[in-house]
């Protein structure tokens, strides 16, 4: 355990940031699963709607610094490609 006051604060802050990042990543994963489920079901309209929500979640995670810009771009690109290849 840290003895210095600033080190104690850093532990608290880093734990809070880790929890926030974990929650944001979990939300993105859930959104991706919804898109994939709609693709598996063959429902183009639901897949498009889920893709819009998922893209928004990924973009928000990127602005928060959870994902790197290129990682977010890759995820959105792969999902968009999968939805567009449905029909």
PDB file of N, CA and C in Angstrom:
ATOM      1  N   UNK A   1       0.846  -1.189   0.000  1.00  0.00           N
ATOM      2  CA  UNK A   1       0.000   0.000   0.000  1.00  0.00           C
ATOM      3  C   UNK A   1       0.881   1.238   0.000  1.00  0.00           C
ATOM      4  N   UNK A   2       0.433   2.243  -0.720  1.00  0.00           N
ATOM      5  CA  UNK A   2       1.190   3.488  -0.832  1.00  0.00           C
ATOM      6  C   UNK A   2       1.130   4.263   0.477  1.00  0.00           C
ATOM      7  N   UNK A   3       2.206   4.965   0.768  1.00  0.00           N
ATOM      8  CA  UNK A   3       2.272   5.797   1.961  1.00  0.00           C
ATOM      9  C   UNK A   3       2.115   7.271   1.640  1.00  0.00           C
ATOM     10  N   UNK A   4       2.514   7.674   0.446  1.00  0.00           N
ATOM     11  CA  UNK A   4       2.482   9.075   0.066  1.00  0.00           C
ATOM     12  C   UNK A   4       1.071   9.449  -0.391  1.00  0.00           C
ATOM     13  N   UNK A   5       0.654  10.644   0.018  1.00  0.00           N
ATOM     14  CA  UNK A   5      -0.716  11.078  -0.265  1.00  0.00           C
ATOM     15  C   UNK A   5      -1.015  11.092  -1.759  1.00  0.00           C
ATOM     16  N   UNK A   6      -0.095  11.581  -2.567  1.00  0.00           N
ATOM     17  CA  UNK A   6      -0.347  11.661  -4.014  1.00  0.00           C
ATOM     18  C   UNK A   6      -0.416  10.267  -4.637  1.00  0.00           C
ATOM     19  N   UNK A   7       0.358   9.328  -4.098  1.00  0.00           N
ATOM     20  CA  UNK A   7       0.315   7.956  -4.609  1.00  0.00           C
ATOM     21  C   UNK A   7      -1.020   7.300  -4.262  1.00  0.00           C
ATOM     22  N   UNK A   8      -1.537   7.590  -3.067  1.00  0.00           N
ATOM     23  CA  UNK A   8      -2.847   7.072  -2.679  1.00  0.00           C
ATOM     24  C   UNK A   8      -3.931   7.618  -3.610  1.00  0.00           C
ATOM     25  N   UNK A   9      -3.825   8.907  -3.927  1.00  0.00           N
ATOM     26  CA  UNK A   9      -4.804   9.514  -4.816  1.00  0.00           C
ATOM     27  C   UNK A   9      -4.716   8.897  -6.207  1.00  0.00           C
ATOM     28  N   UNK A  10      -3.512   8.658  -6.693  1.00  0.00           N
ATOM     29  CA  UNK A  10      -3.338   8.066  -8.018  1.00  0.00           C
ATOM     30  C   UNK A  10      -3.990   6.684  -8.083  1.00  0.00           C
ATOM     31  N   UNK A  11      -3.871   5.929  -6.995  1.00  0.00           N
ATOM     32  CA  UNK A  11      -4.503   4.602  -6.951  1.00  0.00           C
ATOM     33  C   UNK A  11      -6.014   4.741  -7.081  1.00  0.00           C
ATOM     34  N   UNK A  12      -6.595   5.684  -6.340  1.00  0.00           N
ATOM     35  CA  UNK A  12      -8.044   5.894  -6.410  1.00  0.00           C
ATOM     36  C   UNK A  12      -8.481   6.342  -7.806  1.00  0.00           C
ATOM     37  N   UNK A  13      -7.732   7.275  -8.370  1.00  0.00           N
ATOM     38  CA  UNK A  13      -8.088   7.817  -9.681  1.00  0.00           C
ATOM     39  C   UNK A  13      -7.944   6.750 -10.758  1.00  0.00           C
ATOM     40  N   UNK A  14      -6.866   5.979 -10.697  1.00  0.00           N
ATOM     41  CA  UNK A  14      -6.662   4.955 -11.724  1.00  0.00           C
ATOM     42  C   UNK A  14      -7.707   3.853 -11.619  1.00  0.00           C
ATOM     43  N   UNK A  15      -8.125   3.524 -10.407  1.00  0.00           N
ATOM     44  CA  UNK A  15      -9.204   2.537 -10.246  1.00  0.00           C
ATOM     45  C   UNK A  15     -10.520   3.056 -10.811  1.00  0.00           C
ATOM     46  N   UNK A  16     -10.816   4.321 -10.572  1.00  0.00           N
ATOM     47  CA  UNK A  16     -12.040   4.912 -11.099  1.00  0.00           C
ATOM     48  C   UNK A  16     -12.013   4.928 -12.623  1.00  0.00           C
ATOM     49  N   UNK A  17     -10.868   5.297 -13.197  1.00  0.00           N
ATOM     50  CA  UNK A  17     -10.746   5.322 -14.654  1.00  0.00           C
ATOM     51  C   UNK A  17     -10.854   3.928 -15.243  1.00  0.00           C
ATOM     52  N   UNK A  18     -10.281   2.938 -14.566  1.00  0.00           N
ATOM     53  CA  UNK A  18     -10.348   1.562 -15.054  1.00  0.00           C
ATOM     54  C   UNK A  18     -11.795   1.062 -15.054  1.00  0.00           C
ATOM     55  N   UNK A  19     -12.545   1.393 -14.019  1.00  0.00           N
ATOM     56  CA  UNK A  19     -13.958   1.004 -13.954  1.00  0.00           C
ATOM     57  C   UNK A  19     -14.755   1.670 -15.072  1.00  0.00           C
ATOM     58  N   UNK A  20     -14.491   2.950 -15.301  1.00  0.00           N
ATOM     59  CA  UNK A  20     -15.195   3.664 -16.372  1.00  0.00           C
ATOM     60  C   UNK A  20     -14.871   3.047 -17.726  1.00  0.00           C
ATOM     61  N   UNK A  21     -13.583   2.774 -17.973  1.00  0.00           N
ATOM     62  CA  UNK A  21     -13.173   2.181 -19.244  1.00  0.00           C
ATOM     63  C   UNK A  21     -13.798   0.803 -19.435  1.00  0.00           C
ATOM     64  N   UNK A  22     -13.859   0.035 -18.352  1.00  0.00           N
ATOM     65  CA  UNK A  22     -14.441  -1.306 -18.425  1.00  0.00           C
ATOM     66  C   UNK A  22     -15.923  -1.226 -18.790  1.00  0.00           C
ATOM     67  N   UNK A  23     -16.627  -0.273 -18.201  1.00  0.00           N
ATOM     68  CA  UNK A  23     -18.050  -0.110 -18.486  1.00  0.00           C
ATOM     69  C   UNK A  23     -18.271   0.305 -19.940  1.00  0.00           C
ATOM     70  N   UNK A  24     -17.450   1.204 -20.434  1.00  0.00           N
ATOM     71  CA  UNK A  24     -17.591   1.671 -21.814  1.00  0.00           C
ATOM     72  C   UNK A  24     -17.286   0.538 -22.789  1.00  0.00           C
ATOM     73  N   UNK A  25     -16.206  -0.218 -22.535  1.00  0.00           N
ATOM     74  CA  UNK A  25     -15.854  -1.345 -23.401  1.00  0.00           C
ATOM     75  C   UNK A  25     -16.948  -2.398 -23.400  1.00  0.00           C
ATOM     76  N   UNK A  26     -17.538  -2.646 -22.244  1.00  0.00           N
ATOM     77  CA  UNK A  26     -18.609  -3.622 -22.135  1.00  0.00           C
ATOM     78  C   UNK A  26     -19.824  -3.190 -22.957  1.00  0.00           C
ATOM     79  N   UNK A  27     -20.132  -1.895 -22.915  1.00  0.00           N
ATOM     80  CA  UNK A  27     -21.243  -1.375 -23.700  1.00  0.00           C
ATOM     81  C   UNK A  27     -21.008  -1.527 -25.199  1.00  0.00           C
ATOM     82  N   UNK A  28     -19.779  -1.303 -25.621  1.00  0.00           N
ATOM     83  CA  UNK A  28     -19.436  -1.450 -27.039  1.00  0.00           C
ATOM     84  C   UNK A  28     -19.556  -2.916 -27.453  1.00  0.00           C
ATOM     85  N   UNK A  29     -19.071  -3.813 -26.611  1.00  0.00           N
ATOM     86  CA  UNK A  29     -19.161  -5.242 -26.925  1.00  0.00           C
ATOM     87  C   UNK A  29     -20.616  -5.684 -27.052  1.00  0.00           C
ATOM     88  N   UNK A  30     -21.467  -5.181 -26.165  1.00  0.00           N
ATOM     89  CA  UNK A  30     -22.887  -5.516 -26.220  1.00  0.00           C
ATOM     90  C   UNK A  30     -23.506  -5.011 -27.517  1.00  0.00           C
ATOM     91  N   UNK A  31     -23.150  -3.793 -27.917  1.00  0.00           N
ATOM     92  CA  UNK A  31     -23.684  -3.227 -29.154  1.00  0.00           C
ATOM     93  C   UNK A  31     -23.228  -4.041 -30.357  1.00  0.00           C
ATOM     94  N   UNK A  32     -21.974  -4.493 -30.355  1.00  0.00           N
ATOM     95  CA  UNK A  32     -21.453  -5.313 -31.446  1.00  0.00           C
ATOM     96  C   UNK A  32     -22.199  -6.646 -31.501  1.00  0.00           C
ATOM     97  N   UNK A  33     -22.482  -7.221 -30.337  1.00  0.00           N
ATOM     98  CA  UNK A  33     -23.220  -8.488 -30.297  1.00  0.00           C
ATOM     99  C   UNK A  33     -24.632  -8.316 -30.851  1.00  0.00           C
ATOM    100  N   UNK A  34     -25.260  -7.164 -30.601  1.00  0.00           N
ATOM    101  CA  UNK A  34     -26.592  -6.914 -31.137  1.00  0.00           C
ATOM    102  C   UNK A  34     -26.567  -6.850 -32.660  1.00  0.00           C
ATOM    103  N   UNK A  35     -25.542  -6.205 -33.208  1.00  0.00           N
ATOM    104  CA  UNK A  35     -25.410  -6.133 -34.664  1.00  0.00           C
ATOM    105  C   UNK A  35     -25.213  -7.534 -35.227  1.00  0.00           C
ATOM    106  N   UNK A  36     -24.320  -8.300 -34.617  1.00  0.00           N
ATOM    107  CA  UNK A  36     -24.050  -9.659 -35.107  1.00  0.00           C
ATOM    108  C   UNK A  36     -25.275 -10.554 -34.993  1.00  0.00           C
ATOM    109  N   UNK A  37     -26.059 -10.388 -33.936  1.00  0.00           N
ATOM    110  CA  UNK A  37     -27.281 -11.181 -33.771  1.00  0.00           C
ATOM    111  C   UNK A  37     -28.291 -10.852 -34.865  1.00  0.00           C
ATOM    112  N   UNK A  38     -28.401  -9.564 -35.204  1.00  0.00           N
ATOM    113  CA  UNK A  38     -29.326  -9.163 -36.263  1.00  0.00           C
ATOM    114  C   UNK A  38     -28.868  -9.705 -37.615  1.00  0.00           C
ATOM    115  N   UNK A  39     -27.555  -9.751 -37.819  1.00  0.00           N
ATOM    116  CA  UNK A  39     -27.016 -10.305 -39.062  1.00  0.00           C
ATOM    117  C   UNK A  39     -27.309 -11.801 -39.140  1.00  0.00           C
ATOM    118  N   UNK A  40     -27.106 -12.495 -38.025  1.00  0.00           N
ATOM    119  CA  UNK A  40     -27.372 -13.939 -37.981  1.00  0.00           C
ATOM    120  C   UNK A  40     -28.849 -14.236 -38.244  1.00  0.00           C
ATOM    121  N   UNK A  41     -29.723 -13.370 -37.719  1.00  0.00           N
ATOM    122  CA  UNK A  41     -31.157 -13.563 -37.902  1.00  0.00           C
ATOM    123  C   UNK A  41     -31.602 -13.193 -39.315  1.00  0.00           C
ATOM    124  N   UNK A  42     -30.766 -12.456 -40.037  1.00  0.00           N
ATOM    125  CA  UNK A  42     -31.094 -12.059 -41.394  1.00  0.00           C
ATOM    126  C   UNK A  42     -32.018 -10.862 -41.476  1.00  0.00           C
ATOM    127  N   UNK A  43     -32.125 -10.106 -40.394  1.00  0.00           N
ATOM    128  CA  UNK A  43     -33.002  -8.938 -40.348  1.00  0.00           C
ATOM    129  C   UNK A  43     -32.206  -7.691 -40.715  1.00  0.00           C
ATOM    130  N   UNK A  44     -32.326  -7.274 -41.958  1.00  0.00           N
ATOM    131  CA  UNK A  44     -31.532  -6.148 -42.475  1.00  0.00           C
ATOM    132  C   UNK A  44     -31.876  -4.838 -41.765  1.00  0.00           C
ATOM    133  N   UNK A  45     -33.165  -4.596 -41.529  1.00  0.00           N
ATOM    134  CA  UNK A  45     -33.578  -3.344 -40.881  1.00  0.00           C
ATOM    135  C   UNK A  45     -33.044  -3.267 -39.454  1.00  0.00           C
ATOM    136  N   UNK A  46     -33.156  -4.363 -38.723  1.00  0.00           N
ATOM    137  CA  UNK A  46     -32.650  -4.382 -37.350  1.00  0.00           C
ATOM    138  C   UNK A  46     -31.131  -4.252 -37.335  1.00  0.00           C
ATOM    139  N   UNK A  47     -30.475  -4.865 -38.311  1.00  0.00           N
ATOM    140  CA  UNK A  47     -29.016  -4.782 -38.387  1.00  0.00           C
ATOM    141  C   UNK A  47     -28.572  -3.349 -38.647  1.00  0.00           C
ATOM    142  N   UNK A  48     -29.277  -2.645 -39.530  1.00  0.00           N
ATOM    143  CA  UNK A  48     -28.942  -1.241 -39.805  1.00  0.00           C
ATOM    144  C   UNK A  48     -29.160  -0.370 -38.576  1.00  0.00           C
ATOM    145  N   UNK A  49     -30.264  -0.599 -37.875  1.00  0.00           N
ATOM    146  CA  UNK A  49     -30.551   0.186 -36.669  1.00  0.00           C
ATOM    147  C   UNK A  49     -29.502  -0.084 -35.591  1.00  0.00           C
ATOM    148  N   UNK A  50     -29.147  -1.358 -35.419  1.00  0.00           N
ATOM    149  CA  UNK A  50     -28.139  -1.711 -34.427  1.00  0.00           C
ATOM    150  C   UNK A  50     -26.770  -1.165 -34.817  1.00  0.00           C
ATOM    151  N   UNK A  51     -26.497  -1.116 -36.120  1.00  0.00           N
ATOM    152  CA  UNK A  51     -25.216  -0.585 -36.597  1.00  0.00           C
ATOM    153  C   UNK A  51     -25.084   0.891 -36.268  1.00  0.00           C
ATOM    154  N   UNK A  52     -26.167   1.639 -36.412  1.00  0.00           N
ATOM    155  CA  UNK A  52     -26.134   3.071 -36.100  1.00  0.00           C
ATOM    156  C   UNK A  52     -25.830   3.273 -34.613  1.00  0.00           C
ATOM    157  N   UNK A  53     -26.513   2.505 -33.762  1.00  0.00           N
ATOM    158  CA  UNK A  53     -26.280   2.617 -32.315  1.00  0.00           C
ATOM    159  C   UNK A  53     -24.862   2.188 -31.952  1.00  0.00           C
ATOM    160  N   UNK A  54     -24.397   1.118 -32.590  1.00  0.00           N
ATOM    161  CA  UNK A  54     -23.063   0.597 -32.301  1.00  0.00           C
ATOM    162  C   UNK A  54     -21.983   1.592 -32.724  1.00  0.00           C
ATOM    163  N   UNK A  55     -22.168   2.197 -33.884  1.00  0.00           N
ATOM    164  CA  UNK A  55     -21.210   3.193 -34.367  1.00  0.00           C
ATOM    165  C   UNK A  55     -21.134   4.371 -33.410  1.00  0.00           C
ATOM    166  N   UNK A  56     -22.275   4.788 -32.909  1.00  0.00           N
ATOM    167  CA  UNK A  56     -22.301   5.897 -31.950  1.00  0.00           C
ATOM    168  C   UNK A  56     -21.557   5.517 -30.671  1.00  0.00           C
ATOM    169  N   UNK A  57     -21.762   4.287 -30.199  1.00  0.00           N
ATOM    170  CA  UNK A  57     -21.091   3.830 -28.979  1.00  0.00           C
ATOM    171  C   UNK A  57     -19.582   3.763 -29.179  1.00  0.00           C
ATOM    172  N   UNK A  58     -19.158   3.269 -30.339  1.00  0.00           N
ATOM    173  CA  UNK A  58     -17.727   3.167 -30.625  1.00  0.00           C
ATOM    174  C   UNK A  58     -17.102   4.557 -30.735  1.00  0.00           C
ATOM    175  N   UNK A  59     -17.806   5.482 -31.402  1.00  0.00           N
ATOM    176  CA  UNK A  59     -17.287   6.843 -31.536  1.00  0.00           C
ATOM    177  C   UNK A  59     -17.173   7.528 -30.183  1.00  0.00           C
ATOM    178  N   UNK A  60     -18.164   7.307 -29.317  1.00  0.00           N
ATOM    179  CA  UNK A  60     -18.125   7.908 -27.985  1.00  0.00           C
ATOM    180  C   UNK A  60     -16.957   7.343 -27.180  1.00  0.00           C
ATOM    181  N   UNK A  61     -16.736   6.026 -27.309  1.00  0.00           N
ATOM    182  CA  UNK A  61     -15.609   5.405 -26.604  1.00  0.00           C
ATOM    183  C   UNK A  61     -14.284   5.958 -27.106  1.00  0.00           C
ATOM    184  N   UNK A  62     -14.222   6.265 -28.387  1.00  0.00           N
ATOM    185  CA  UNK A  62     -12.993   6.817 -28.958  1.00  0.00           C
ATOM    186  C   UNK A  62     -12.732   8.220 -28.427  1.00  0.00           C
ATOM    187  N   UNK A  63     -13.782   9.037 -28.328  1.00  0.00           N
ATOM    188  CA  UNK A  63     -13.590  10.398 -27.825  1.00  0.00           C
ATOM    189  C   UNK A  63     -13.206  10.387 -26.346  1.00  0.00           C
ATOM    190  N   UNK A  64     -13.645   9.349 -25.613  1.00  0.00           N
ATOM    191  CA  UNK A  64     -13.284   9.238 -24.198  1.00  0.00           C
ATOM    192  C   UNK A  64     -11.869   8.698 -24.021  1.00  0.00           C
ATOM    193  N   UNK A  65     -11.258   8.218 -25.098  1.00  0.00           N
ATOM    194  CA  UNK A  65      -9.896   7.706 -25.015  1.00  0.00           C
ATOM    195  C   UNK A  65      -9.827   6.235 -24.685  1.00  0.00           C
ATOM    196  N   UNK A  66     -10.946   5.525 -24.757  1.00  0.00           N
ATOM    197  CA  UNK A  66     -10.964   4.101 -24.440  1.00  0.00           C
ATOM    198  C   UNK A  66     -10.393   3.299 -25.606  1.00  0.00           C
ATOM    199  N   UNK A  67     -10.749   3.691 -26.826  1.00  0.00           N
ATOM    200  CA  UNK A  67     -10.244   3.033 -28.026  1.00  0.00           C
ATOM    201  C   UNK A  67      -9.352   3.986 -28.801  1.00  0.00           C
ATOM    202  N   UNK A  68      -8.352   3.427 -29.477  1.00  0.00           N
ATOM    203  CA  UNK A  68      -7.539   4.197 -30.406  1.00  0.00           C
ATOM    204  C   UNK A  68      -8.382   4.490 -31.645  1.00  0.00           C
ATOM    205  N   UNK A  69      -8.068   5.580 -32.300  1.00  0.00           N
ATOM    206  CA  UNK A  69      -8.823   6.002 -33.477  1.00  0.00           C
ATOM    207  C   UNK A  69      -8.865   4.913 -34.557  1.00  0.00           C
ATOM    208  N   UNK A  70      -7.748   4.280 -34.811  1.00  0.00           N
ATOM    209  CA  UNK A  70      -7.699   3.249 -35.852  1.00  0.00           C
ATOM    210  C   UNK A  70      -8.462   1.993 -35.441  1.00  0.00           C
ATOM    211  N   UNK A  71      -8.441   1.662 -34.173  1.00  0.00           N
ATOM    212  CA  UNK A  71      -9.188   0.508 -33.679  1.00  0.00           C
ATOM    213  C   UNK A  71     -10.682   0.739 -33.883  1.00  0.00           C
ATOM    214  N   UNK A  72     -11.142   1.933 -33.557  1.00  0.00           N
ATOM    215  CA  UNK A  72     -12.554   2.264 -33.725  1.00  0.00           C
ATOM    216  C   UNK A  72     -12.933   2.208 -35.198  1.00  0.00           C
ATOM    217  N   UNK A  73     -12.075   2.733 -36.040  1.00  0.00           N
ATOM    218  CA  UNK A  73     -12.335   2.738 -37.471  1.00  0.00           C
ATOM    219  C   UNK A  73     -12.419   1.314 -38.009  1.00  0.00           C
ATOM    220  N   UNK A  74     -11.534   0.455 -37.542  1.00  0.00           N
ATOM    221  CA  UNK A  74     -11.531  -0.948 -37.981  1.00  0.00           C
ATOM    222  C   UNK A  74     -12.811  -1.657 -37.559  1.00  0.00           C
ATOM    223  N   UNK A  75     -13.236  -1.438 -36.320  1.00  0.00           N
ATOM    224  CA  UNK A  75     -14.454  -2.083 -35.824  1.00  0.00           C
ATOM    225  C   UNK A  75     -15.678  -1.638 -36.622  1.00  0.00           C
ATOM    226  N   UNK A  76     -15.799  -0.336 -36.853  1.00  0.00           N
ATOM    227  CA  UNK A  76     -16.939   0.191 -37.598  1.00  0.00           C
ATOM    228  C   UNK A  76     -16.915  -0.330 -39.027  1.00  0.00           C
ATOM    229  N   UNK A  77     -15.738  -0.365 -39.622  1.00  0.00           N
ATOM    230  CA  UNK A  77     -15.613  -0.821 -41.000  1.00  0.00           C
ATOM    231  C   UNK A  77     -16.033  -2.277 -41.147  1.00  0.00           C
ATOM    232  N   UNK A  78     -15.594  -3.122 -40.243  1.00  0.00           N
ATOM    233  CA  UNK A  78     -15.934  -4.544 -40.323  1.00  0.00           C
ATOM    234  C   UNK A  78     -17.423  -4.778 -40.117  1.00  0.00           C
ATOM    235  N   UNK A  79     -18.015  -4.043 -39.184  1.00  0.00           N
ATOM    236  CA  UNK A  79     -19.455  -4.187 -38.963  1.00  0.00           C
ATOM    237  C   UNK A  79     -20.254  -3.679 -40.159  1.00  0.00           C
ATOM    238  N   UNK A  80     -19.855  -2.536 -40.709  1.00  0.00           N
ATOM    239  CA  UNK A  80     -20.547  -1.982 -41.863  1.00  0.00           C
ATOM    240  C   UNK A  80     -20.463  -2.942 -43.055  1.00  0.00           C
ATOM    241  N   UNK A  81     -19.293  -3.510 -43.242  1.00  0.00           N
ATOM    242  CA  UNK A  81     -19.100  -4.453 -44.341  1.00  0.00           C
ATOM    243  C   UNK A  81     -20.014  -5.674 -44.170  1.00  0.00           C
ATOM    244  N   UNK A  82     -20.102  -6.174 -42.958  1.00  0.00           N
ATOM    245  CA  UNK A  82     -20.940  -7.345 -42.689  1.00  0.00           C
ATOM    246  C   UNK A  82     -22.414  -7.029 -42.940  1.00  0.00           C
ATOM    247  N   UNK A  83     -22.862  -5.851 -42.513  1.00  0.00           N
ATOM    248  CA  UNK A  83     -24.266  -5.468 -42.716  1.00  0.00           C
ATOM    249  C   UNK A  83     -24.542  -5.259 -44.203  1.00  0.00           C
ATOM    250  N   UNK A  84     -23.623  -4.626 -44.912  1.00  0.00           N
ATOM    251  CA  UNK A  84     -23.839  -4.368 -46.335  1.00  0.00           C
ATOM    252  C   UNK A  84     -23.826  -5.632 -47.169  1.00  0.00           C
ATOM    253  N   UNK A  85     -23.146  -6.673 -46.725  1.00  0.00           N
ATOM    254  CA  UNK A  85     -23.094  -7.915 -47.480  1.00  0.00           C
ATOM    255  C   UNK A  85     -24.291  -8.828 -47.210  1.00  0.00           C
ATOM    256  N   UNK A  86     -25.198  -8.406 -46.338  1.00  0.00           N
ATOM    257  CA  UNK A  86     -26.347  -9.247 -45.994  1.00  0.00           C
ATOM    258  C   UNK A  86     -27.223  -9.545 -47.210  1.00  0.00           C
ATOM    259  N   UNK A  87     -27.662  -8.515 -47.883  1.00  0.00           N
ATOM    260  CA  UNK A  87     -28.594  -8.720 -48.988  1.00  0.00           C
ATOM    261  C   UNK A  87     -27.857  -8.520 -50.285  1.00  0.00           C
TER     262      UNK A  87
END
